Amino acid sequence: MLTSCADFDDSASGQTWEPAPDLTPQAGPQPQLPEAGGTSQGPPKGSAPTPVPPPDGCKDFNKAVIATCLDRISAVAALPAAGSTIGALAAERISGSVLRVSSEPGASPKEIASFDVDASGDGGLTGLALSPSYSEDRLVFAYLTTEKDNRVVRFAEGQPPKPVLTGIPKGPKGNRGVLLADSDGALLVATGDAGDPAAAADPKSLAGKMLRIDTSGKPAKGNPTTGSRVLASGLQAPGGICESTDGSRTWVTDRADGRDVMYRVEPGTTLTTPVWSWPDQPGVAGCTDWSDVLIVATSKAGNLQNLPVTEEGAVSGKPSVTMDGENGNSFGRLTGMDVVNPDFVVAGTANKDGGDPVSSDDRVVLISRQMTPAGNGRD
């Protein structure tokens, strides 16, 4: 099926993400989403995959696409299941719009909020997360860049936004921020360094940090330093946060000087030693922890990086690359990613941001993980 986390076994299996077939109802909502290059079960051995016709205007024939003809998507947030329908919120970085999208046939994106944003310096509307108690309060959190600062706001459909955390430094670059509601009901906020690496090391600055706050913006209970919002420091331009299903480990992607990196977040520490680095700088963005593999979307290379992970949470080898265009299996530049259920994630694209857009871009897509033979990953 069909980009700030879920669980499978056997890292040696070489399991990867691809558009996938129907699964059982027990696994959650399962719309019929065949592979991008053919049927849901794949073509017979030795035969060529059945090609998916190219988009016709805003009509996309790939069943994994649930929204088309949007502006550049920076973040997505999966909505609670509604029968067999999968829904999500999608953030347009430059326009500042938040749209509700759905896998229901014939459904059109609906704008539920819009913010005045400054999209310069990789800023704009860059983060979305549902409230930890969304089913009761219907609140959504957003990370955005204004004329004066970077900030976190909360909003509900049809209501004006309210500031939660303001005064996050703004600069000529490094304004991007991402959000994730953690397993303890707190909000994780990864902030850029606003182009000032010294700010990331300054404990008094909100720049270049992994913050952990409650829904009112105050320091969350259990933070390493009482009265401080800072969980960890040392970020430059974060792209995504993800957490294991049991909440035992948290990861953040970052675009550092001369390399892209993945950090495992250890509370109270400075993020200096990544678990993996990409010298080719593919533009690491959203991520998902599925126990034995970390899936990382890339917004420049336009693929998925699959990092094998041990039971102890250590990266055990170099990533295999999937959704890179082989057999037509690619959606181009992938950005934000969020977990729908233990088998699927929703992701956004930003092909209008320097990529090679098709007529239906930019899109919101659903991605699932499928088994491949061990050792099938490519360098």
Protein backbone atom coordinates (compact mmCIF):
# COMPACT_ATOMS: atom_id res chain seq x y z
CA MET A 1 0.00 0.00 0.00
CA LEU A 2 0.03 3.42 0.00
CA THR A 3 5.48 9.37 3.87
CA SER A 4 8.42 13.12 13.54
CA CYS A 5 6.38 4.04 14.49
CA ALA A 6 5.48 0.04 14.56
CA ASP A 7 6.89 -3.51 15.11
CA PHE A 8 8.12 -6.56 13.13
CA ASP A 9 10.70 -9.30 13.74
CA ASP A 10 13.83 -10.64 11.98
CA SER A 11 15.99 -7.81 10.67
CA ALA A 12 17.75 -10.26 8.42
CA SER A 13 14.57 -10.76 6.42
CA GLY A 14 15.22 -7.68 4.33
CA GLN A 15 11.65 -6.49 4.70
CA THR A 16 10.98 -3.19 2.97
CA TRP A 17 8.25 -0.68 2.29
CA GLU A 18 6.18 -0.90 -0.85
CA PRO A 19 2.56 -0.33 -1.78
CA ALA A 20 0.78 -3.43 -0.48
CA PRO A 21 -2.28 -5.68 -0.79
CA ASP A 22 -5.36 -5.99 1.39
CA LEU A 23 -4.74 -7.34 4.85
CA THR A 24 -7.17 -8.82 7.33
CA PRO A 25 -9.67 -6.59 9.15
CA GLN A 26 -7.90 -7.37 12.43
CA ALA A 27 -4.91 -5.33 11.22
CA GLY A 28 -7.00 -2.19 10.96
CA PRO A 29 -8.61 -0.40 8.01
CA GLN A 30 -7.41 -2.01 4.80
CA PRO A 31 -8.41 -0.26 1.58
CA GLN A 32 -7.47 -2.20 -1.54
CA LEU A 33 -4.19 -0.67 -2.59
CA PRO A 34 -2.30 -2.66 -5.23
CA GLU A 35 1.38 -2.26 -5.88
CA ALA A 36 2.48 0.81 -7.79
CA GLY A 37 3.80 -1.40 -10.57
CA GLY A 38 1.10 -4.07 -10.76
CA THR A 39 -1.46 -6.14 -8.87
CA SER A 40 -1.57 -6.49 -5.12
CA GLN A 41 0.02 -9.93 -5.24
CA GLY A 42 2.69 -8.90 -7.72
CA PRO A 43 3.27 -10.34 -11.21
CA PRO A 44 4.21 -14.00 -11.80
CA LYS A 45 7.90 -14.77 -11.64
CA GLY A 46 9.68 -13.83 -14.84
CA SER A 47 6.96 -11.48 -16.05
CA ALA A 48 7.06 -7.71 -16.22
CA PRO A 49 4.94 -5.74 -13.73
CA THR A 50 1.75 -4.24 -15.05
CA PRO A 51 2.41 -0.50 -15.43
CA VAL A 52 0.17 2.02 -13.77
CA PRO A 53 -1.05 4.65 -16.26
CA PRO A 54 0.41 8.12 -15.76
CA PRO A 55 -1.75 10.68 -13.99
CA ASP A 56 -4.39 12.48 -16.02
CA GLY A 57 -4.52 15.96 -14.57
CA CYS A 58 -5.42 15.57 -10.89
CA LYS A 59 -6.60 11.99 -11.41
CA ASP A 60 -3.96 9.53 -10.20
CA PHE A 61 -4.43 5.88 -11.14
CA ASN A 62 -2.17 4.58 -8.39
CA LYS A 63 -4.56 3.22 -5.76
CA ALA A 64 -2.11 4.14 -3.04
CA VAL A 65 -2.60 7.87 -3.66
CA ILE A 66 -5.32 9.35 -1.45
CA ALA A 67 -4.96 13.06 -2.31
CA THR A 68 -3.68 14.92 -5.36
CA CYS A 69 -2.91 18.40 -6.70
CA LEU A 70 -1.83 19.83 -3.37
CA ASP A 71 0.99 22.27 -2.72
CA ARG A 72 4.27 21.03 -1.22
CA ILE A 73 3.45 18.77 1.73
CA SER A 74 5.75 19.12 4.74
CA ALA A 75 3.97 17.08 7.41
CA VAL A 76 1.11 14.62 7.81
CA ALA A 77 -0.86 13.33 10.78
CA ALA A 78 -2.87 10.11 10.53
CA LEU A 79 -6.45 10.39 11.79
CA PRO A 80 -8.17 7.72 13.91
CA ALA A 81 -9.62 4.86 11.86
CA ALA A 82 -13.14 5.26 10.50
CA GLY A 83 -14.20 1.84 9.27
CA SER A 84 -12.27 0.92 6.14
CA THR A 85 -11.40 4.55 5.39
CA ILE A 86 -7.95 5.95 6.13
CA GLY A 87 -7.78 9.68 6.75
CA ALA A 88 -5.03 12.16 7.51
CA LEU A 89 -4.23 15.81 7.91
CA ALA A 90 -1.69 17.26 5.50
CA ALA A 91 0.29 20.49 5.96
CA GLU A 92 1.29 22.65 3.00
CA ARG A 93 4.59 24.26 3.95
CA ILE A 94 4.38 27.41 1.85
CA SER A 95 0.64 28.17 1.79
CA GLY A 96 0.22 27.42 5.51
CA SER A 97 -2.91 25.35 4.86
CA VAL A 98 -3.94 22.19 6.72
CA LEU A 99 -6.16 19.86 4.70
CA ARG A 100 -8.12 16.78 5.63
CA VAL A 101 -7.65 13.99 3.09
CA SER A 102 -9.20 10.55 2.85
CA SER A 103 -8.90 7.21 1.07
CA GLU A 104 -12.67 7.20 0.50
CA PRO A 105 -13.32 7.09 -3.26
CA GLY A 106 -14.28 10.49 -4.63
CA ALA A 107 -13.32 12.37 -1.46
CA SER A 108 -11.76 15.80 -2.05
CA PRO A 109 -9.25 17.49 0.26
CA LYS A 110 -10.88 19.93 2.66
CA GLU A 111 -9.05 22.86 4.22
CA ILE A 112 -9.64 22.91 7.96
CA ALA A 113 -7.12 25.62 8.95
CA SER A 114 -4.79 28.17 7.43
CA PHE A 115 -1.91 30.12 8.96
CA ASP A 116 0.07 33.18 7.90
CA VAL A 117 3.58 31.77 7.58
CA ASP A 118 7.02 32.85 6.42
CA ALA A 119 8.37 30.01 4.30
CA SER A 120 11.88 31.45 3.85
CA GLY A 121 14.89 29.70 5.35
CA ASP A 122 13.18 26.26 5.08
CA GLY A 123 10.42 27.52 7.37
CA GLY A 124 6.68 27.80 6.92
CA LEU A 125 4.22 25.23 8.22
CA THR A 126 6.49 22.25 8.88
CA GLY A 127 5.06 20.15 11.73
CA LEU A 128 1.73 18.52 12.64
CA ALA A 129 0.68 16.26 15.49
CA LEU A 130 -2.68 15.24 16.89
CA SER A 131 -3.32 15.96 20.54
CA PRO A 132 -2.57 12.95 22.77
CA SER A 133 -6.29 13.12 23.68
CA TYR A 134 -7.52 13.93 20.17
CA SER A 135 -10.56 11.66 20.43
CA GLU A 136 -11.85 13.86 23.26
CA ASP A 137 -10.58 17.37 22.49
CA ARG A 138 -10.12 17.27 18.64
CA LEU A 139 -7.06 19.47 19.00
CA VAL A 140 -4.14 19.52 16.56
CA PHE A 141 -0.68 21.00 17.12
CA ALA A 142 1.30 22.75 14.39
CA TYR A 143 4.86 24.05 14.11
CA LEU A 144 5.17 27.18 12.00
CA THR A 145 7.35 30.14 11.15
CA THR A 146 5.93 33.66 11.52
CA GLU A 147 7.45 37.02 10.66
CA LYS A 148 8.99 37.18 14.14
CA ASP A 149 9.65 33.66 15.40
CA ASN A 150 9.10 29.93 15.12
CA ARG A 151 6.31 28.65 17.33
CA VAL A 152 3.96 25.83 18.28
CA VAL A 153 0.22 26.51 18.13
CA ARG A 154 -2.84 24.40 18.74
CA PHE A 155 -6.11 24.56 16.85
CA ALA A 156 -9.40 22.81 16.21
CA GLU A 157 -11.38 22.93 13.01
CA GLY A 158 -13.38 26.13 12.79
CA GLN A 159 -11.57 27.80 15.70
CA PRO A 160 -8.69 30.30 15.72
CA PRO A 161 -5.26 28.94 16.71
CA LYS A 162 -3.86 29.51 20.17
CA PRO A 163 -0.13 29.86 20.86
CA VAL A 164 1.42 27.06 22.90
CA LEU A 165 5.15 27.88 22.71
CA THR A 166 6.44 31.09 21.12
CA GLY A 167 9.83 32.76 20.80
CA ILE A 168 11.69 29.85 19.22
CA PRO A 169 14.54 31.64 17.40
CA LYS A 170 14.15 32.40 13.71
CA GLY A 171 17.06 32.86 11.31
CA PRO A 172 18.08 32.84 7.64
CA LYS A 173 17.98 29.03 7.73
CA GLY A 174 17.35 26.23 10.20
CA ASN A 175 13.75 27.25 10.87
CA ARG A 176 12.18 23.88 10.24
CA GLY A 177 10.60 22.11 13.22
CA VAL A 178 8.76 18.81 13.64
CA LEU A 179 6.34 17.39 16.20
CA LEU A 180 5.35 14.05 17.72
CA ALA A 181 3.01 13.15 20.58
CA ASP A 182 4.96 10.64 22.66
CA SER A 183 3.67 7.50 24.39
CA ASP A 184 3.43 9.34 27.74
CA GLY A 185 1.09 12.03 26.45
CA ALA A 186 3.71 14.76 26.08
CA LEU A 187 4.55 16.67 22.91
CA LEU A 188 8.04 16.32 21.41
CA VAL A 189 9.22 19.39 19.51
CA ALA A 190 12.41 19.24 17.42
CA THR A 191 13.63 22.76 16.59
CA GLY A 192 16.20 24.02 14.11
CA ASP A 193 19.19 26.09 15.17
CA ALA A 194 18.09 29.16 13.14
CA GLY A 195 21.47 29.15 11.40
CA ASP A 196 23.36 29.58 14.68
CA PRO A 197 25.14 26.39 15.83
CA ALA A 198 26.03 28.06 19.14
CA ALA A 199 22.32 28.36 19.94
CA ALA A 200 21.94 24.59 19.76
CA ALA A 201 24.52 24.25 22.54
CA ASP A 202 23.05 27.05 24.67
CA PRO A 203 20.78 25.57 27.38
CA LYS A 204 18.91 28.87 27.61
CA SER A 205 17.96 28.86 23.91
CA LEU A 206 15.00 26.96 22.43
CA ALA A 207 16.87 26.60 19.12
CA GLY A 208 18.49 23.34 18.03
CA LYS A 209 16.74 21.29 20.70
CA MET A 210 14.49 18.33 21.25
CA LEU A 211 11.90 19.83 23.58
CA ARG A 212 9.34 17.91 25.60
CA ILE A 213 6.31 19.92 26.69
CA ASP A 214 2.79 19.37 27.92
CA THR A 215 -0.18 20.48 25.85
CA SER A 216 -0.08 23.96 27.40
CA GLY A 217 3.59 24.48 26.48
CA LYS A 218 5.09 23.97 29.94
CA PRO A 219 7.92 21.52 30.66
CA ALA A 220 6.53 17.99 30.68
CA LYS A 221 6.72 15.84 33.78
CA GLY A 222 9.69 13.49 33.79
CA ASN A 223 12.05 15.75 31.84
CA PRO A 224 15.73 15.29 32.75
CA THR A 225 15.94 18.77 34.31
CA THR A 226 13.02 19.92 36.41
CA GLY A 227 11.53 23.13 35.05
CA SER A 228 13.27 22.79 31.68
CA ARG A 229 11.61 21.94 28.37
CA VAL A 230 14.85 20.55 26.94
CA LEU A 231 15.06 16.80 26.42
CA ALA A 232 18.25 16.87 24.30
CA SER A 233 20.26 19.42 22.33
CA GLY A 234 22.46 19.68 19.25
CA LEU A 235 20.07 19.74 16.27
CA GLN A 236 20.48 21.85 13.13
CA ALA A 237 17.59 21.20 10.72
CA PRO A 238 15.42 18.32 11.95
CA GLY A 239 13.31 16.42 9.45
CA GLY A 240 11.31 13.91 11.48
CA ILE A 241 10.75 12.29 14.87
CA CYS A 242 9.60 8.73 15.48
CA GLU A 243 9.19 6.44 18.46
CA SER A 244 9.03 2.69 18.95
CA THR A 245 5.60 1.25 19.68
CA ASP A 246 6.48 0.62 23.33
CA GLY A 247 7.94 4.11 23.76
CA SER A 248 11.34 2.77 24.78
CA ARG A 249 13.31 4.61 22.12
CA THR A 250 12.98 7.86 20.20
CA TRP A 251 14.73 8.90 16.99
CA VAL A 252 15.19 12.17 15.14
CA THR A 253 16.54 12.84 11.65
CA ASP A 254 18.67 15.91 11.08
CA ARG A 255 20.38 17.68 8.19
CA ALA A 256 23.76 18.63 9.59
CA ASP A 257 26.67 20.39 7.89
CA GLY A 258 28.03 18.12 5.17
CA ARG A 259 25.88 15.10 6.04
CA ASP A 260 22.43 13.91 6.98
CA VAL A 261 22.12 11.95 10.22
CA MET A 262 19.85 9.84 12.40
CA TYR A 263 20.12 10.20 16.17
CA ARG A 264 18.72 8.06 18.92
CA VAL A 265 17.53 10.55 21.51
CA GLU A 266 18.89 9.98 25.01
CA PRO A 267 17.28 12.35 27.54
CA GLY A 268 19.62 14.92 29.01
CA THR A 269 22.34 14.51 26.38
CA THR A 270 23.84 16.43 23.48
CA LEU A 271 23.20 14.82 20.11
CA THR A 272 26.74 14.46 18.81
CA THR A 273 27.10 10.82 17.73
CA PRO A 274 24.56 9.67 15.13
CA VAL A 275 23.54 6.04 14.72
CA TRP A 276 23.89 6.55 10.97
CA SER A 277 25.20 9.25 8.63
CA TRP A 278 24.52 9.93 4.95
CA PRO A 279 27.42 11.87 3.36
CA ASP A 280 25.42 12.11 0.12
CA GLN A 281 22.76 14.14 1.96
CA PRO A 282 19.54 12.62 0.54
CA GLY A 283 17.40 15.04 2.56
CA VAL A 284 16.27 12.91 5.51
CA ALA A 285 12.71 13.66 6.54
CA GLY A 286 10.02 11.62 8.29
CA CYS A 287 10.80 8.29 9.92
CA THR A 288 9.09 5.22 11.37
CA ASP A 289 10.38 2.64 13.86
CA TRP A 290 9.09 -0.84 13.05
CA SER A 291 11.18 -2.65 15.67
CA ASP A 292 13.71 -4.35 13.40
CA VAL A 293 13.94 -1.59 10.80
CA LEU A 294 13.93 2.20 10.76
CA ILE A 295 12.28 3.65 7.68
CA VAL A 296 13.51 7.10 6.65
CA ALA A 297 11.87 9.18 3.92
CA THR A 298 14.10 11.41 1.79
CA SER A 299 12.97 14.69 0.28
CA LYS A 300 15.88 15.10 -2.15
CA ALA A 301 16.82 11.59 -3.24
CA GLY A 302 13.16 10.60 -3.37
CA ASN A 303 13.41 7.13 -1.83
CA LEU A 304 13.11 5.22 1.44
CA GLN A 305 16.19 4.33 3.47
CA ASN A 306 15.69 1.11 5.48
CA LEU A 307 18.04 0.88 8.46
CA PRO A 308 18.21 -2.55 10.17
CA VAL A 309 17.85 -2.37 13.96
CA THR A 310 18.68 -4.94 16.65
CA GLU A 311 16.41 -5.89 19.54
CA GLU A 312 18.52 -3.59 21.72
CA GLY A 313 17.80 -0.66 19.40
CA ALA A 314 21.18 -0.38 17.71
CA VAL A 315 21.53 0.12 13.97
CA SER A 316 23.18 -3.08 12.75
CA GLY A 317 24.12 -2.30 9.15
CA LYS A 318 23.90 0.02 6.20
CA PRO A 319 20.48 0.92 4.84
CA SER A 320 18.84 -0.74 1.88
CA VAL A 321 17.07 1.57 -0.53
CA THR A 322 13.49 1.09 -1.71
CA MET A 323 10.85 3.10 -3.54
CA ASP A 324 13.60 4.52 -5.72
CA GLY A 325 11.83 4.25 -9.06
CA GLU A 326 12.61 0.65 -9.96
CA ASN A 327 9.57 -0.89 -11.70
CA GLY A 328 7.86 2.47 -11.47
CA ASN A 329 7.80 2.19 -7.68
CA SER A 330 8.39 5.76 -6.60
CA PHE A 331 6.43 8.82 -5.59
CA GLY A 332 9.41 11.13 -5.80
CA ARG A 333 10.39 13.41 -2.94
CA LEU A 334 8.91 12.14 0.34
CA THR A 335 8.57 14.35 3.41
CA GLY A 336 6.49 13.88 6.54
CA MET A 337 5.38 10.42 7.66
CA ASP A 338 2.99 9.15 10.31
CA VAL A 339 1.81 5.73 11.43
CA VAL A 340 -1.72 4.71 10.46
CA ASN A 341 -1.69 1.28 12.14
CA PRO A 342 0.88 -1.51 12.67
CA ASP A 343 1.03 -2.14 8.92
CA PHE A 344 0.73 1.22 7.20
CA VAL A 345 2.01 4.77 7.21
CA VAL A 346 0.80 7.89 5.46
CA ALA A 347 3.31 10.19 3.77
CA GLY A 348 3.43 13.43 1.83
CA THR A 349 5.40 14.49 -1.23
CA ALA A 350 7.14 17.73 -2.15
CA ASN A 351 7.95 17.24 -5.82
CA LYS A 352 7.13 20.88 -6.56
CA ASP A 353 10.07 21.77 -4.30
CA GLY A 354 12.78 21.19 -6.91
CA GLY A 355 11.70 17.68 -7.90
CA ASP A 356 10.14 16.35 -11.09
CA PRO A 357 6.40 16.78 -10.47
CA VAL A 358 3.70 14.96 -12.37
CA SER A 359 0.29 16.47 -13.07
CA SER A 360 -1.21 15.07 -9.84
CA ASP A 361 1.52 16.38 -7.53
CA ASP A 362 1.83 17.07 -4.77
CA ARG A 363 0.22 14.02 -3.20
CA VAL A 364 -0.58 12.19 0.01
CA VAL A 365 0.15 8.47 -0.26
CA LEU A 366 -0.17 5.31 1.81
CA ILE A 367 2.81 3.01 2.17
CA SER A 368 3.01 -0.48 3.67
CA ARG A 369 5.81 -2.89 4.32
CA GLN A 370 6.20 -6.11 2.35
CA MET A 371 8.54 -9.07 2.67
CA THR A 372 11.53 -9.46 0.36
CA PRO A 373 14.22 -12.16 0.40
CA ALA A 374 17.10 -11.65 2.83
CA GLY A 375 19.96 -9.70 1.34
CA ASN A 376 17.81 -8.16 -1.37
CA GLY A 377 18.51 -4.57 -0.30
CA ARG A 378 20.74 -2.47 -2.51
CA ASP A 379 23.53 -0.18 -1.37
